[in-house]
């Protein structure tokens, strides 16, 4: 699975902000996070299972994403 963030500190990372958090109607225990650029032109969608108690996956207001992982 590819990493959604540009954790390597590369210069091409794009800052995206959390704009939506919803619970999936189709899947139980699934939360959907949508991050977007400030101009709203590109976005990143992440899905997380609420039942994964062992993983420490903090949800932050902003993340640095690889441009290849952003949709339009």
PDB file of N, CA and C in Angstrom:
ATOM      1  N   UNK A   1       0.848  -1.183   0.000  1.00  0.00           N
ATOM      2  CA  UNK A   1       0.000   0.000   0.000  1.00  0.00           C
ATOM      3  C   UNK A   1       0.889   1.239   0.000  1.00  0.00           C
ATOM      4  N   UNK A   2       0.606   2.177  -0.853  1.00  0.00           N
ATOM      5  CA  UNK A   2       1.407   3.389  -0.966  1.00  0.00           C
ATOM      6  C   UNK A   2       1.121   4.333   0.185  1.00  0.00           C
ATOM      7  N   UNK A   3       2.150   5.053   0.590  1.00  0.00           N
ATOM      8  CA  UNK A   3       2.007   6.033   1.657  1.00  0.00           C
ATOM      9  C   UNK A   3       1.361   7.283   1.084  1.00  0.00           C
ATOM     10  N   UNK A   4       0.335   7.809   1.754  1.00  0.00           N
ATOM     11  CA  UNK A   4      -0.385   8.982   1.261  1.00  0.00           C
ATOM     12  C   UNK A   4       0.357  10.280   1.508  1.00  0.00           C
ATOM     13  N   UNK A   5       1.248  10.301   2.464  1.00  0.00           N
ATOM     14  CA  UNK A   5       1.937  11.540   2.794  1.00  0.00           C
ATOM     15  C   UNK A   5       3.340  11.533   2.220  1.00  0.00           C
ATOM     16  N   UNK A   6       3.868  12.711   2.007  1.00  0.00           N
ATOM     17  CA  UNK A   6       5.229  12.849   1.508  1.00  0.00           C
ATOM     18  C   UNK A   6       6.152  13.006   2.700  1.00  0.00           C
ATOM     19  N   UNK A   7       6.324  11.947   3.440  1.00  0.00           N
ATOM     20  CA  UNK A   7       7.087  11.979   4.684  1.00  0.00           C
ATOM     21  C   UNK A   7       8.580  12.119   4.450  1.00  0.00           C
ATOM     22  N   UNK A   8       9.024  11.953   3.217  1.00  0.00           N
ATOM     23  CA  UNK A   8      10.449  12.040   2.943  1.00  0.00           C
ATOM     24  C   UNK A   8      10.939  13.478   2.863  1.00  0.00           C
ATOM     25  N   UNK A   9      10.037  14.446   3.027  1.00  0.00           N
ATOM     26  CA  UNK A   9      10.419  15.853   3.020  1.00  0.00           C
ATOM     27  C   UNK A   9      10.704  16.388   1.629  1.00  0.00           C
ATOM     28  N   UNK A  10      10.256  15.715   0.594  1.00  0.00           N
ATOM     29  CA  UNK A  10      10.513  16.162  -0.765  1.00  0.00           C
ATOM     30  C   UNK A  10       9.829  17.503  -1.022  1.00  0.00           C
ATOM     31  N   UNK A  11      10.434  18.273  -1.923  1.00  0.00           N
ATOM     32  CA  UNK A  11       9.940  19.618  -2.209  1.00  0.00           C
ATOM     33  C   UNK A  11       8.623  19.622  -2.970  1.00  0.00           C
ATOM     34  N   UNK A  12       8.256  18.510  -3.586  1.00  0.00           N
ATOM     35  CA  UNK A  12       7.032  18.496  -4.374  1.00  0.00           C
ATOM     36  C   UNK A  12       5.795  18.149  -3.551  1.00  0.00           C
ATOM     37  N   UNK A  13       5.941  18.018  -2.248  1.00  0.00           N
ATOM     38  CA  UNK A  13       4.795  17.722  -1.379  1.00  0.00           C
ATOM     39  C   UNK A  13       3.806  18.886  -1.414  1.00  0.00           C
ATOM     40  N   UNK A  14       2.529  18.544  -1.358  1.00  0.00           N
ATOM     41  CA  UNK A  14       1.460  19.542  -1.400  1.00  0.00           C
ATOM     42  C   UNK A  14       0.715  19.496  -0.075  1.00  0.00           C
ATOM     43  N   UNK A  15       0.543  20.638   0.565  1.00  0.00           N
ATOM     44  CA  UNK A  15      -0.195  20.707   1.827  1.00  0.00           C
ATOM     45  C   UNK A  15      -1.685  20.657   1.527  1.00  0.00           C
ATOM     46  N   UNK A  16      -2.375  19.706   2.148  1.00  0.00           N
ATOM     47  CA  UNK A  16      -3.829  19.588   2.019  1.00  0.00           C
ATOM     48  C   UNK A  16      -4.445  19.624   3.405  1.00  0.00           C
ATOM     49  N   UNK A  17      -5.663  20.129   3.466  1.00  0.00           N
ATOM     50  CA  UNK A  17      -6.351  20.352   4.733  1.00  0.00           C
ATOM     51  C   UNK A  17      -7.603  19.492   4.833  1.00  0.00           C
ATOM     52  N   UNK A  18      -7.898  19.037   6.045  1.00  0.00           N
ATOM     53  CA  UNK A  18      -9.087  18.229   6.282  1.00  0.00           C
ATOM     54  C   UNK A  18     -10.330  19.087   6.054  1.00  0.00           C
ATOM     55  N   UNK A  19     -11.169  18.675   5.105  1.00  0.00           N
ATOM     56  CA  UNK A  19     -12.372  19.437   4.775  1.00  0.00           C
ATOM     57  C   UNK A  19     -13.656  18.658   5.021  1.00  0.00           C
ATOM     58  N   UNK A  20     -13.546  17.335   5.177  1.00  0.00           N
ATOM     59  CA  UNK A  20     -14.751  16.532   5.382  1.00  0.00           C
ATOM     60  C   UNK A  20     -14.401  15.247   6.116  1.00  0.00           C
ATOM     61  N   UNK A  21     -15.266  14.873   7.038  1.00  0.00           N
ATOM     62  CA  UNK A  21     -15.137  13.593   7.744  1.00  0.00           C
ATOM     63  C   UNK A  21     -16.531  12.993   7.828  1.00  0.00           C
ATOM     64  N   UNK A  22     -16.716  11.841   7.210  1.00  0.00           N
ATOM     65  CA  UNK A  22     -18.026  11.198   7.204  1.00  0.00           C
ATOM     66  C   UNK A  22     -17.889   9.725   7.556  1.00  0.00           C
ATOM     67  N   UNK A  23     -18.995   9.157   7.963  1.00  0.00           N
ATOM     68  CA  UNK A  23     -19.065   7.727   8.221  1.00  0.00           C
ATOM     69  C   UNK A  23     -19.729   7.078   7.023  1.00  0.00           C
ATOM     70  N   UNK A  24     -19.156   6.010   6.529  1.00  0.00           N
ATOM     71  CA  UNK A  24     -19.670   5.332   5.348  1.00  0.00           C
ATOM     72  C   UNK A  24     -21.014   4.679   5.630  1.00  0.00           C
ATOM     73  N   UNK A  25     -21.957   4.857   4.715  1.00  0.00           N
ATOM     74  CA  UNK A  25     -23.259   4.202   4.812  1.00  0.00           C
ATOM     75  C   UNK A  25     -23.178   2.754   4.338  1.00  0.00           C
ATOM     76  N   UNK A  26     -22.271   2.490   3.403  1.00  0.00           N
ATOM     77  CA  UNK A  26     -22.151   1.155   2.817  1.00  0.00           C
ATOM     78  C   UNK A  26     -21.375   0.184   3.699  1.00  0.00           C
ATOM     79  N   UNK A  27     -20.371   0.664   4.373  1.00  0.00           N
ATOM     80  CA  UNK A  27     -19.496  -0.183   5.183  1.00  0.00           C
ATOM     81  C   UNK A  27     -19.643   0.213   6.642  1.00  0.00           C
ATOM     82  N   UNK A  28     -19.809  -0.743   7.500  1.00  0.00           N
ATOM     83  CA  UNK A  28     -19.865  -0.440   8.928  1.00  0.00           C
ATOM     84  C   UNK A  28     -18.454  -0.188   9.441  1.00  0.00           C
ATOM     85  N   UNK A  29     -18.358   0.689  10.415  1.00  0.00           N
ATOM     86  CA  UNK A  29     -17.095   1.000  11.078  1.00  0.00           C
ATOM     87  C   UNK A  29     -16.034   1.559  10.135  1.00  0.00           C
ATOM     88  N   UNK A  30     -16.439   2.345   9.161  1.00  0.00           N
ATOM     89  CA  UNK A  30     -15.499   2.962   8.238  1.00  0.00           C
ATOM     90  C   UNK A  30     -15.694   4.467   8.279  1.00  0.00           C
ATOM     91  N   UNK A  31     -14.596   5.183   8.467  1.00  0.00           N
ATOM     92  CA  UNK A  31     -14.647   6.638   8.449  1.00  0.00           C
ATOM     93  C   UNK A  31     -13.898   7.110   7.208  1.00  0.00           C
ATOM     94  N   UNK A  32     -14.447   8.125   6.543  1.00  0.00           N
ATOM     95  CA  UNK A  32     -13.857   8.653   5.323  1.00  0.00           C
ATOM     96  C   UNK A  32     -13.377  10.071   5.599  1.00  0.00           C
ATOM     97  N   UNK A  33     -12.090  10.304   5.347  1.00  0.00           N
ATOM     98  CA  UNK A  33     -11.484  11.618   5.528  1.00  0.00           C
ATOM     99  C   UNK A  33     -11.158  12.188   4.157  1.00  0.00           C
ATOM    100  N   UNK A  34     -11.537  13.434   3.923  1.00  0.00           N
ATOM    101  CA  UNK A  34     -11.220  14.099   2.663  1.00  0.00           C
ATOM    102  C   UNK A  34     -10.385  15.330   2.986  1.00  0.00           C
ATOM    103  N   UNK A  35      -9.197  15.376   2.398  1.00  0.00           N
ATOM    104  CA  UNK A  35      -8.298  16.520   2.516  1.00  0.00           C
ATOM    105  C   UNK A  35      -8.279  17.225   1.166  1.00  0.00           C
ATOM    106  N   UNK A  36      -8.161  18.555   1.152  1.00  0.00           N
ATOM    107  CA  UNK A  36      -8.146  19.302  -0.107  1.00  0.00           C
ATOM    108  C   UNK A  36      -7.142  20.446  -0.034  1.00  0.00           C
ATOM    109  N   UNK A  37      -6.704  20.876  -1.220  1.00  0.00           N
ATOM    110  CA  UNK A  37      -5.846  22.047  -1.303  1.00  0.00           C
ATOM    111  C   UNK A  37      -6.682  23.286  -0.976  1.00  0.00           C
ATOM    112  N   UNK A  38      -6.027  24.373  -0.643  1.00  0.00           N
ATOM    113  CA  UNK A  38      -6.760  25.580  -0.253  1.00  0.00           C
ATOM    114  C   UNK A  38      -7.613  26.142  -1.387  1.00  0.00           C
ATOM    115  N   UNK A  39      -7.221  25.886  -2.633  1.00  0.00           N
ATOM    116  CA  UNK A  39      -8.039  26.366  -3.753  1.00  0.00           C
ATOM    117  C   UNK A  39      -9.158  25.389  -4.120  1.00  0.00           C
ATOM    118  N   UNK A  40      -9.191  24.226  -3.479  1.00  0.00           N
ATOM    119  CA  UNK A  40     -10.236  23.247  -3.722  1.00  0.00           C
ATOM    120  C   UNK A  40     -10.096  22.478  -5.026  1.00  0.00           C
ATOM    121  N   UNK A  41      -8.994  22.669  -5.735  1.00  0.00           N
ATOM    122  CA  UNK A  41      -8.809  22.028  -7.037  1.00  0.00           C
ATOM    123  C   UNK A  41      -8.409  20.556  -6.933  1.00  0.00           C
ATOM    124  N   UNK A  42      -7.683  20.186  -5.880  1.00  0.00           N
ATOM    125  CA  UNK A  42      -7.218  18.799  -5.735  1.00  0.00           C
ATOM    126  C   UNK A  42      -7.562  18.284  -4.351  1.00  0.00           C
ATOM    127  N   UNK A  43      -7.713  16.966  -4.238  1.00  0.00           N
ATOM    128  CA  UNK A  43      -8.120  16.380  -2.965  1.00  0.00           C
ATOM    129  C   UNK A  43      -7.452  15.024  -2.751  1.00  0.00           C
ATOM    130  N   UNK A  44      -7.500  14.571  -1.516  1.00  0.00           N
ATOM    131  CA  UNK A  44      -7.006  13.254  -1.127  1.00  0.00           C
ATOM    132  C   UNK A  44      -8.059  12.619  -0.239  1.00  0.00           C
ATOM    133  N   UNK A  45      -8.462  11.410  -0.568  1.00  0.00           N
ATOM    134  CA  UNK A  45      -9.478  10.694   0.207  1.00  0.00           C
ATOM    135  C   UNK A  45      -8.807   9.532   0.928  1.00  0.00           C
ATOM    136  N   UNK A  46      -9.060   9.429   2.228  1.00  0.00           N
ATOM    137  CA  UNK A  46      -8.530   8.334   3.036  1.00  0.00           C
ATOM    138  C   UNK A  46      -9.692   7.622   3.706  1.00  0.00           C
ATOM    139  N   UNK A  47      -9.598   6.312   3.794  1.00  0.00           N
ATOM    140  CA  UNK A  47     -10.608   5.521   4.496  1.00  0.00           C
ATOM    141  C   UNK A  47      -9.928   4.814   5.657  1.00  0.00           C
ATOM    142  N   UNK A  48     -10.570   4.863   6.801  1.00  0.00           N
ATOM    143  CA  UNK A  48     -10.018   4.227   7.997  1.00  0.00           C
ATOM    144  C   UNK A  48     -11.073   3.374   8.673  1.00  0.00           C
ATOM    145  N   UNK A  49     -10.666   2.195   9.094  1.00  0.00           N
ATOM    146  CA  UNK A  49     -11.562   1.316   9.847  1.00  0.00           C
ATOM    147  C   UNK A  49     -11.540   1.739  11.308  1.00  0.00           C
ATOM    148  N   UNK A  50     -12.709   1.891  11.888  1.00  0.00           N
ATOM    149  CA  UNK A  50     -12.802   2.296  13.290  1.00  0.00           C
ATOM    150  C   UNK A  50     -12.451   1.162  14.237  1.00  0.00           C
ATOM    151  N   UNK A  51     -12.447  -0.058  13.741  1.00  0.00           N
ATOM    152  CA  UNK A  51     -12.205  -1.213  14.605  1.00  0.00           C
ATOM    153  C   UNK A  51     -10.734  -1.510  14.824  1.00  0.00           C
ATOM    154  N   UNK A  52      -9.851  -0.832  14.129  1.00  0.00           N
ATOM    155  CA  UNK A  52      -8.424  -1.104  14.289  1.00  0.00           C
ATOM    156  C   UNK A  52      -7.918  -0.414  15.546  1.00  0.00           C
ATOM    157  N   UNK A  53      -7.946  -1.132  16.652  1.00  0.00           N
ATOM    158  CA  UNK A  53      -7.601  -0.540  17.943  1.00  0.00           C
ATOM    159  C   UNK A  53      -6.105  -0.489  18.191  1.00  0.00           C
ATOM    160  N   UNK A  54      -5.329  -1.310  17.513  1.00  0.00           N
ATOM    161  CA  UNK A  54      -3.903  -1.385  17.779  1.00  0.00           C
ATOM    162  C   UNK A  54      -3.070  -0.344  17.070  1.00  0.00           C
ATOM    163  N   UNK A  55      -3.562   0.200  15.988  1.00  0.00           N
ATOM    164  CA  UNK A  55      -2.788   1.154  15.204  1.00  0.00           C
ATOM    165  C   UNK A  55      -2.939   2.560  15.753  1.00  0.00           C
ATOM    166  N   UNK A  56      -1.822   3.265  15.851  1.00  0.00           N
ATOM    167  CA  UNK A  56      -1.854   4.666  16.253  1.00  0.00           C
ATOM    168  C   UNK A  56      -1.797   5.496  14.983  1.00  0.00           C
ATOM    169  N   UNK A  57      -2.958   5.915  14.489  1.00  0.00           N
ATOM    170  CA  UNK A  57      -3.043   6.699  13.261  1.00  0.00           C
ATOM    171  C   UNK A  57      -3.756   8.003  13.565  1.00  0.00           C
ATOM    172  N   UNK A  58      -3.010   9.009  13.997  1.00  0.00           N
ATOM    173  CA  UNK A  58      -3.659  10.277  14.340  1.00  0.00           C
ATOM    174  C   UNK A  58      -4.238  10.961  13.103  1.00  0.00           C
ATOM    175  N   UNK A  59      -5.321  11.666  13.319  1.00  0.00           N
ATOM    176  CA  UNK A  59      -5.936  12.451  12.258  1.00  0.00           C
ATOM    177  C   UNK A  59      -5.600  13.905  12.528  1.00  0.00           C
ATOM    178  N   UNK A  60      -4.894  14.524  11.594  1.00  0.00           N
ATOM    179  CA  UNK A  60      -4.470  15.907  11.773  1.00  0.00           C
ATOM    180  C   UNK A  60      -5.237  16.827  10.828  1.00  0.00           C
ATOM    181  N   UNK A  61      -5.208  18.111  11.128  1.00  0.00           N
ATOM    182  CA  UNK A  61      -5.930  19.090  10.316  1.00  0.00           C
ATOM    183  C   UNK A  61      -5.304  19.268   8.942  1.00  0.00           C
ATOM    184  N   UNK A  62      -4.006  19.040   8.833  1.00  0.00           N
ATOM    185  CA  UNK A  62      -3.322  19.180   7.548  1.00  0.00           C
ATOM    186  C   UNK A  62      -2.265  18.098   7.419  1.00  0.00           C
ATOM    187  N   UNK A  63      -2.045  17.671   6.175  1.00  0.00           N
ATOM    188  CA  UNK A  63      -0.980  16.720   5.880  1.00  0.00           C
ATOM    189  C   UNK A  63      -0.275  17.157   4.606  1.00  0.00           C
ATOM    190  N   UNK A  64       0.946  16.705   4.422  1.00  0.00           N
ATOM    191  CA  UNK A  64       1.692  16.933   3.194  1.00  0.00           C
ATOM    192  C   UNK A  64       1.549  15.682   2.338  1.00  0.00           C
ATOM    193  N   UNK A  65       0.962  15.829   1.165  1.00  0.00           N
ATOM    194  CA  UNK A  65       0.675  14.694   0.291  1.00  0.00           C
ATOM    195  C   UNK A  65       1.514  14.750  -0.973  1.00  0.00           C
ATOM    196  N   UNK A  66       1.785  13.596  -1.505  1.00  0.00           N
ATOM    197  CA  UNK A  66       2.470  13.493  -2.784  1.00  0.00           C
ATOM    198  C   UNK A  66       1.502  13.914  -3.891  1.00  0.00           C
ATOM    199  N   UNK A  67       1.936  14.732  -4.839  1.00  0.00           N
ATOM    200  CA  UNK A  67       1.037  15.178  -5.905  1.00  0.00           C
ATOM    201  C   UNK A  67       0.406  14.024  -6.682  1.00  0.00           C
ATOM    202  N   UNK A  68       1.092  12.903  -6.788  1.00  0.00           N
ATOM    203  CA  UNK A  68       0.558  11.752  -7.499  1.00  0.00           C
ATOM    204  C   UNK A  68      -0.621  11.097  -6.803  1.00  0.00           C
ATOM    205  N   UNK A  69      -0.804  11.380  -5.519  1.00  0.00           N
ATOM    206  CA  UNK A  69      -1.912  10.805  -4.757  1.00  0.00           C
ATOM    207  C   UNK A  69      -3.140  11.708  -4.719  1.00  0.00           C
ATOM    208  N   UNK A  70      -3.072  12.866  -5.365  1.00  0.00           N
ATOM    209  CA  UNK A  70      -4.180  13.822  -5.326  1.00  0.00           C
ATOM    210  C   UNK A  70      -5.089  13.670  -6.536  1.00  0.00           C
ATOM    211  N   UNK A  71      -6.391  13.719  -6.296  1.00  0.00           N
ATOM    212  CA  UNK A  71      -7.375  13.683  -7.373  1.00  0.00           C
ATOM    213  C   UNK A  71      -7.795  15.090  -7.749  1.00  0.00           C
ATOM    214  N   UNK A  72      -8.516  15.198  -8.854  1.00  0.00           N
ATOM    215  CA  UNK A  72      -8.998  16.515  -9.289  1.00  0.00           C
ATOM    216  C   UNK A  72     -10.499  16.520  -9.420  1.00  0.00           C
TER     217      UNK A  72
END
